[in-house]
N, C-alpha and C. Protein backbone atom coordinates (compact mmCIF):
# COMPACT_ATOMS: atom_id res chain seq x y z
N MET A 1 -6.58 -14.35 7.64
CA MET A 1 -5.73 -13.20 7.53
C MET A 1 -4.54 -13.52 6.62
N THR A 2 -4.20 -12.56 5.79
CA THR A 2 -3.03 -12.67 4.94
C THR A 2 -2.03 -11.60 5.38
N LEU A 3 -0.79 -12.00 5.59
CA LEU A 3 0.26 -11.06 5.97
C LEU A 3 1.17 -10.82 4.78
N ILE A 4 1.37 -9.56 4.44
CA ILE A 4 2.34 -9.18 3.42
C ILE A 4 3.34 -8.25 4.07
N ASP A 5 4.57 -8.70 4.17
CA ASP A 5 5.67 -7.88 4.64
C ASP A 5 6.35 -7.35 3.37
N ILE A 6 6.18 -6.09 3.09
CA ILE A 6 6.63 -5.56 1.81
C ILE A 6 8.13 -5.78 1.60
N GLY A 7 8.94 -5.53 2.61
CA GLY A 7 10.38 -5.72 2.48
C GLY A 7 10.79 -7.17 2.27
N ARG A 8 10.08 -8.09 2.87
CA ARG A 8 10.39 -9.51 2.76
C ARG A 8 9.74 -10.15 1.54
N ASP A 9 8.47 -9.83 1.31
CA ASP A 9 7.69 -10.52 0.29
C ASP A 9 7.74 -9.85 -1.08
N PHE A 10 8.19 -8.61 -1.13
CA PHE A 10 8.21 -7.89 -2.40
C PHE A 10 9.61 -7.38 -2.70
N SER A 11 10.06 -6.36 -2.00
CA SER A 11 11.38 -5.81 -2.26
C SER A 11 11.77 -4.83 -1.16
N LEU A 12 13.07 -4.77 -0.88
CA LEU A 12 13.57 -3.75 0.04
C LEU A 12 13.73 -2.40 -0.64
N VAL A 13 13.61 -2.40 -1.95
CA VAL A 13 13.71 -1.17 -2.74
C VAL A 13 12.46 -1.07 -3.60
N THR A 14 11.66 -0.03 -3.40
CA THR A 14 10.48 0.15 -4.23
C THR A 14 10.85 0.99 -5.45
N GLY A 15 10.11 0.78 -6.53
CA GLY A 15 10.43 1.45 -7.79
C GLY A 15 9.41 2.50 -8.16
N GLY A 16 9.18 2.62 -9.45
CA GLY A 16 8.25 3.61 -9.97
C GLY A 16 6.81 3.14 -9.90
N ARG A 17 5.97 3.88 -10.58
CA ARG A 17 4.54 3.58 -10.58
C ARG A 17 4.20 2.34 -11.40
N HIS A 18 4.81 2.21 -12.59
CA HIS A 18 4.37 1.21 -13.56
C HIS A 18 5.42 0.14 -13.82
N ARG A 19 4.97 -1.02 -14.27
CA ARG A 19 5.88 -2.14 -14.57
C ARG A 19 6.97 -1.74 -15.55
N SER A 20 6.64 -0.84 -16.47
CA SER A 20 7.64 -0.41 -17.46
C SER A 20 8.84 0.25 -16.78
N GLY A 21 8.66 0.68 -15.52
CA GLY A 21 9.75 1.30 -14.78
C GLY A 21 10.61 0.32 -14.02
N GLY A 22 10.30 -0.97 -14.09
CA GLY A 22 11.12 -1.96 -13.40
C GLY A 22 10.31 -2.93 -12.58
N PRO A 23 10.96 -3.95 -12.04
CA PRO A 23 10.26 -5.04 -11.35
C PRO A 23 9.68 -4.69 -9.99
N HIS A 24 10.10 -3.59 -9.41
CA HIS A 24 9.63 -3.25 -8.06
C HIS A 24 8.61 -2.11 -8.08
N SER A 25 7.85 -2.06 -9.16
CA SER A 25 6.88 -0.99 -9.35
C SER A 25 5.67 -1.16 -8.44
N ALA A 26 4.98 -0.05 -8.25
CA ALA A 26 3.73 -0.06 -7.51
C ALA A 26 2.70 -0.95 -8.20
N GLU A 27 2.67 -0.88 -9.51
CA GLU A 27 1.74 -1.71 -10.29
C GLU A 27 1.99 -3.20 -10.04
N ALA A 28 3.25 -3.60 -10.02
CA ALA A 28 3.59 -5.01 -9.77
C ALA A 28 3.17 -5.43 -8.36
N PHE A 29 3.44 -4.60 -7.37
CA PHE A 29 3.04 -4.93 -6.00
C PHE A 29 1.53 -5.06 -5.90
N ARG A 30 0.83 -4.07 -6.44
CA ARG A 30 -0.63 -4.07 -6.36
C ARG A 30 -1.22 -5.29 -7.07
N GLU A 31 -0.82 -5.53 -8.30
CA GLU A 31 -1.44 -6.60 -9.11
C GLU A 31 -0.97 -8.00 -8.73
N ASP A 32 0.28 -8.14 -8.30
CA ASP A 32 0.83 -9.47 -8.03
C ASP A 32 0.65 -9.92 -6.58
N LEU A 33 0.58 -8.99 -5.64
CA LEU A 33 0.46 -9.37 -4.23
C LEU A 33 -0.82 -8.87 -3.57
N LEU A 34 -1.05 -7.56 -3.64
CA LEU A 34 -2.13 -6.99 -2.85
C LEU A 34 -3.52 -7.38 -3.36
N VAL A 35 -3.79 -7.20 -4.63
CA VAL A 35 -5.12 -7.53 -5.17
C VAL A 35 -5.43 -9.01 -5.00
N PRO A 36 -4.52 -9.94 -5.31
CA PRO A 36 -4.84 -11.35 -5.06
C PRO A 36 -5.15 -11.64 -3.59
N ALA A 37 -4.42 -11.01 -2.68
CA ALA A 37 -4.70 -11.21 -1.25
C ALA A 37 -6.08 -10.68 -0.89
N LEU A 38 -6.45 -9.53 -1.43
CA LEU A 38 -7.78 -8.98 -1.16
C LEU A 38 -8.88 -9.84 -1.78
N ARG A 39 -8.63 -10.38 -2.94
CA ARG A 39 -9.63 -11.23 -3.60
C ARG A 39 -9.84 -12.53 -2.82
N HIS A 40 -8.84 -12.92 -2.05
CA HIS A 40 -8.95 -14.12 -1.21
C HIS A 40 -10.06 -13.93 -0.19
N GLY A 41 -10.35 -12.67 0.16
CA GLY A 41 -11.53 -12.38 0.96
C GLY A 41 -11.36 -12.11 2.43
N ASP A 42 -10.16 -12.08 2.93
CA ASP A 42 -10.02 -11.83 4.36
C ASP A 42 -9.24 -10.55 4.61
N THR A 43 -8.86 -10.35 5.85
CA THR A 43 -8.07 -9.19 6.23
C THR A 43 -6.65 -9.33 5.68
N VAL A 44 -6.10 -8.22 5.21
CA VAL A 44 -4.73 -8.20 4.72
C VAL A 44 -3.93 -7.28 5.64
N VAL A 45 -2.94 -7.85 6.30
CA VAL A 45 -2.06 -7.07 7.16
C VAL A 45 -0.81 -6.74 6.36
N LEU A 46 -0.51 -5.45 6.25
CA LEU A 46 0.67 -5.00 5.52
C LEU A 46 1.70 -4.49 6.51
N ARG A 47 2.86 -5.10 6.52
CA ARG A 47 4.00 -4.59 7.30
C ARG A 47 4.80 -3.69 6.39
N ILE A 48 4.97 -2.45 6.80
CA ILE A 48 5.62 -1.49 5.91
C ILE A 48 7.01 -1.09 6.33
N GLY A 49 7.56 -1.67 7.39
CA GLY A 49 8.94 -1.35 7.77
C GLY A 49 9.92 -1.92 6.75
N GLY A 50 11.05 -1.27 6.59
CA GLY A 50 12.07 -1.78 5.67
C GLY A 50 12.34 -0.82 4.54
N PRO A 51 11.58 -0.91 3.45
CA PRO A 51 11.85 -0.03 2.32
C PRO A 51 11.46 1.42 2.61
N SER A 52 11.96 2.30 1.77
CA SER A 52 11.44 3.67 1.77
C SER A 52 10.42 3.75 0.64
N TYR A 53 9.46 4.62 0.77
CA TYR A 53 8.37 4.69 -0.17
C TYR A 53 8.19 6.11 -0.67
N SER A 54 8.07 6.27 -1.96
CA SER A 54 7.72 7.59 -2.49
C SER A 54 6.21 7.73 -2.41
N MET A 55 5.75 8.96 -2.33
CA MET A 55 4.30 9.20 -2.32
C MET A 55 3.68 8.73 -3.64
N ALA A 56 4.42 8.83 -4.74
CA ALA A 56 3.91 8.36 -6.03
C ALA A 56 3.68 6.85 -6.00
N TRP A 57 4.61 6.10 -5.41
CA TRP A 57 4.47 4.64 -5.30
C TRP A 57 3.26 4.30 -4.45
N LEU A 58 3.14 4.96 -3.29
CA LEU A 58 2.01 4.70 -2.40
C LEU A 58 0.68 5.05 -3.07
N HIS A 59 0.65 6.18 -3.75
CA HIS A 59 -0.56 6.60 -4.44
C HIS A 59 -0.97 5.57 -5.48
N GLU A 60 -0.03 5.12 -6.28
CA GLU A 60 -0.33 4.16 -7.33
C GLU A 60 -0.86 2.84 -6.75
N VAL A 61 -0.31 2.41 -5.65
CA VAL A 61 -0.78 1.15 -5.04
C VAL A 61 -2.16 1.32 -4.43
N PHE A 62 -2.34 2.31 -3.59
CA PHE A 62 -3.52 2.35 -2.73
C PHE A 62 -4.67 3.22 -3.26
N ALA A 63 -4.39 4.30 -3.92
CA ALA A 63 -5.47 5.18 -4.39
C ALA A 63 -6.20 4.57 -5.58
N THR A 64 -5.58 3.60 -6.23
CA THR A 64 -6.18 3.00 -7.43
C THR A 64 -6.88 1.67 -7.16
N LEU A 65 -6.88 1.20 -5.93
CA LEU A 65 -7.49 -0.10 -5.62
C LEU A 65 -8.98 -0.14 -5.93
N GLU A 66 -9.63 0.98 -5.84
CA GLU A 66 -11.07 1.03 -6.12
C GLU A 66 -11.36 0.60 -7.56
N THR A 67 -10.43 0.88 -8.47
CA THR A 67 -10.64 0.49 -9.88
C THR A 67 -10.56 -1.03 -10.07
N ALA A 68 -10.05 -1.74 -9.06
CA ALA A 68 -10.00 -3.21 -9.12
C ALA A 68 -11.28 -3.83 -8.59
N GLY A 69 -12.26 -2.98 -8.26
CA GLY A 69 -13.56 -3.50 -7.85
C GLY A 69 -13.81 -3.53 -6.35
N PHE A 70 -12.96 -2.90 -5.57
CA PHE A 70 -13.13 -2.86 -4.12
C PHE A 70 -13.69 -1.51 -3.71
N SER A 71 -14.60 -1.50 -2.76
CA SER A 71 -15.10 -0.21 -2.25
C SER A 71 -14.09 0.34 -1.25
N ARG A 72 -14.08 1.64 -1.12
CA ARG A 72 -13.18 2.28 -0.16
C ARG A 72 -13.48 1.81 1.26
N GLU A 73 -14.75 1.63 1.57
CA GLU A 73 -15.14 1.18 2.91
C GLU A 73 -14.62 -0.23 3.18
N ASP A 74 -14.73 -1.11 2.19
CA ASP A 74 -14.23 -2.48 2.33
C ASP A 74 -12.72 -2.47 2.51
N LEU A 75 -12.03 -1.67 1.72
CA LEU A 75 -10.57 -1.58 1.83
C LEU A 75 -10.15 -1.06 3.20
N ALA A 76 -10.82 -0.03 3.68
CA ALA A 76 -10.47 0.55 4.99
C ALA A 76 -10.70 -0.46 6.11
N ARG A 77 -11.68 -1.32 5.95
CA ARG A 77 -11.98 -2.33 6.97
C ARG A 77 -11.01 -3.50 6.91
N ARG A 78 -10.58 -3.87 5.71
CA ARG A 78 -9.82 -5.11 5.54
C ARG A 78 -8.31 -4.95 5.47
N ILE A 79 -7.82 -3.76 5.18
CA ILE A 79 -6.37 -3.56 5.14
C ILE A 79 -5.92 -2.97 6.47
N VAL A 80 -5.03 -3.70 7.12
CA VAL A 80 -4.46 -3.28 8.40
C VAL A 80 -2.98 -2.99 8.17
N ILE A 81 -2.54 -1.81 8.55
CA ILE A 81 -1.15 -1.41 8.35
C ILE A 81 -0.39 -1.57 9.65
N GLU A 82 0.68 -2.36 9.61
CA GLU A 82 1.58 -2.48 10.76
C GLU A 82 2.81 -1.63 10.46
N ALA A 83 3.06 -0.65 11.32
CA ALA A 83 4.18 0.26 11.10
C ALA A 83 4.80 0.66 12.43
N ASP A 84 6.12 0.68 12.46
CA ASP A 84 6.77 1.20 13.66
C ASP A 84 6.76 2.73 13.59
N GLY A 85 7.26 3.37 14.64
CA GLY A 85 7.21 4.82 14.73
C GLY A 85 7.84 5.57 13.57
N GLY A 86 8.88 5.00 12.97
CA GLY A 86 9.54 5.65 11.86
C GLY A 86 8.71 5.68 10.58
N TYR A 87 7.63 4.94 10.55
CA TYR A 87 6.78 4.86 9.37
C TYR A 87 5.38 5.42 9.63
N ARG A 88 5.25 6.25 10.64
CA ARG A 88 3.95 6.82 11.00
C ARG A 88 3.35 7.63 9.86
N ARG A 89 4.14 8.47 9.22
CA ARG A 89 3.62 9.28 8.10
C ARG A 89 3.26 8.40 6.90
N THR A 90 4.03 7.36 6.68
CA THR A 90 3.72 6.44 5.58
C THR A 90 2.38 5.76 5.84
N LYS A 91 2.16 5.31 7.06
CA LYS A 91 0.89 4.68 7.42
C LYS A 91 -0.27 5.65 7.22
N LEU A 92 -0.11 6.89 7.66
CA LEU A 92 -1.17 7.89 7.48
C LEU A 92 -1.45 8.16 6.00
N ALA A 93 -0.40 8.19 5.20
CA ALA A 93 -0.58 8.40 3.76
C ALA A 93 -1.35 7.26 3.14
N ILE A 94 -1.00 6.03 3.48
CA ILE A 94 -1.71 4.85 2.96
C ILE A 94 -3.18 4.91 3.34
N GLU A 95 -3.46 5.17 4.61
CA GLU A 95 -4.84 5.23 5.06
C GLU A 95 -5.61 6.33 4.34
N SER A 96 -4.97 7.47 4.10
CA SER A 96 -5.62 8.56 3.36
C SER A 96 -5.91 8.17 1.93
N TYR A 97 -4.96 7.53 1.26
CA TYR A 97 -5.17 7.12 -0.12
C TYR A 97 -6.28 6.08 -0.23
N ILE A 98 -6.34 5.16 0.71
CA ILE A 98 -7.41 4.16 0.71
C ILE A 98 -8.77 4.83 0.80
N LEU A 99 -8.87 5.86 1.62
CA LEU A 99 -10.14 6.56 1.82
C LEU A 99 -10.44 7.60 0.75
N GLY A 100 -9.50 7.80 -0.17
CA GLY A 100 -9.71 8.77 -1.24
C GLY A 100 -9.47 10.20 -0.81
N LEU A 101 -8.70 10.38 0.25
CA LEU A 101 -8.37 11.71 0.76
C LEU A 101 -7.00 12.13 0.25
N PRO A 102 -6.70 13.43 0.25
CA PRO A 102 -5.34 13.84 -0.09
C PRO A 102 -4.39 13.32 0.98
N HIS A 103 -3.10 13.12 0.59
CA HIS A 103 -2.17 12.61 1.59
C HIS A 103 -1.95 13.64 2.67
N PRO A 104 -1.66 13.19 3.89
CA PRO A 104 -1.49 14.12 5.01
C PRO A 104 -0.33 15.06 4.77
N SER A 105 -0.47 16.24 5.30
CA SER A 105 0.59 17.24 5.11
C SER A 105 1.73 17.00 6.09
N ASP A 106 2.84 17.66 5.84
CA ASP A 106 3.99 17.54 6.71
C ASP A 106 3.70 18.06 8.11
N SER A 107 2.65 18.84 8.28
CA SER A 107 2.33 19.38 9.59
C SER A 107 1.87 18.32 10.57
N LEU A 108 1.64 17.10 10.10
CA LEU A 108 1.22 16.04 10.99
C LEU A 108 2.35 15.50 11.86
N GLU A 109 3.58 15.74 11.48
CA GLU A 109 4.72 15.21 12.23
C GLU A 109 4.89 15.91 13.56
């Protein structure tokens, strides 16, 4: 198992979608931390408490993982999201993006 605490291991402030937008981009997180952990071959536990996340950042990280050669089924099985109650919608959005679904609506709250 690989644990990635986004606030501790990446940044307490998330940025834009692409590296050109700064060091805390979704692209940097995906390519520098998440994809290497997935290529290692085991379960990846993501702790998402700490930073705030835009839907664009989450979409860029998780909806595009399939283009790195991972199946949606494999990703859904191997990525475990740890979130406290304040991050329930963020967790649901991540899970939806991994499965290729639209992000959950505000009516889920």
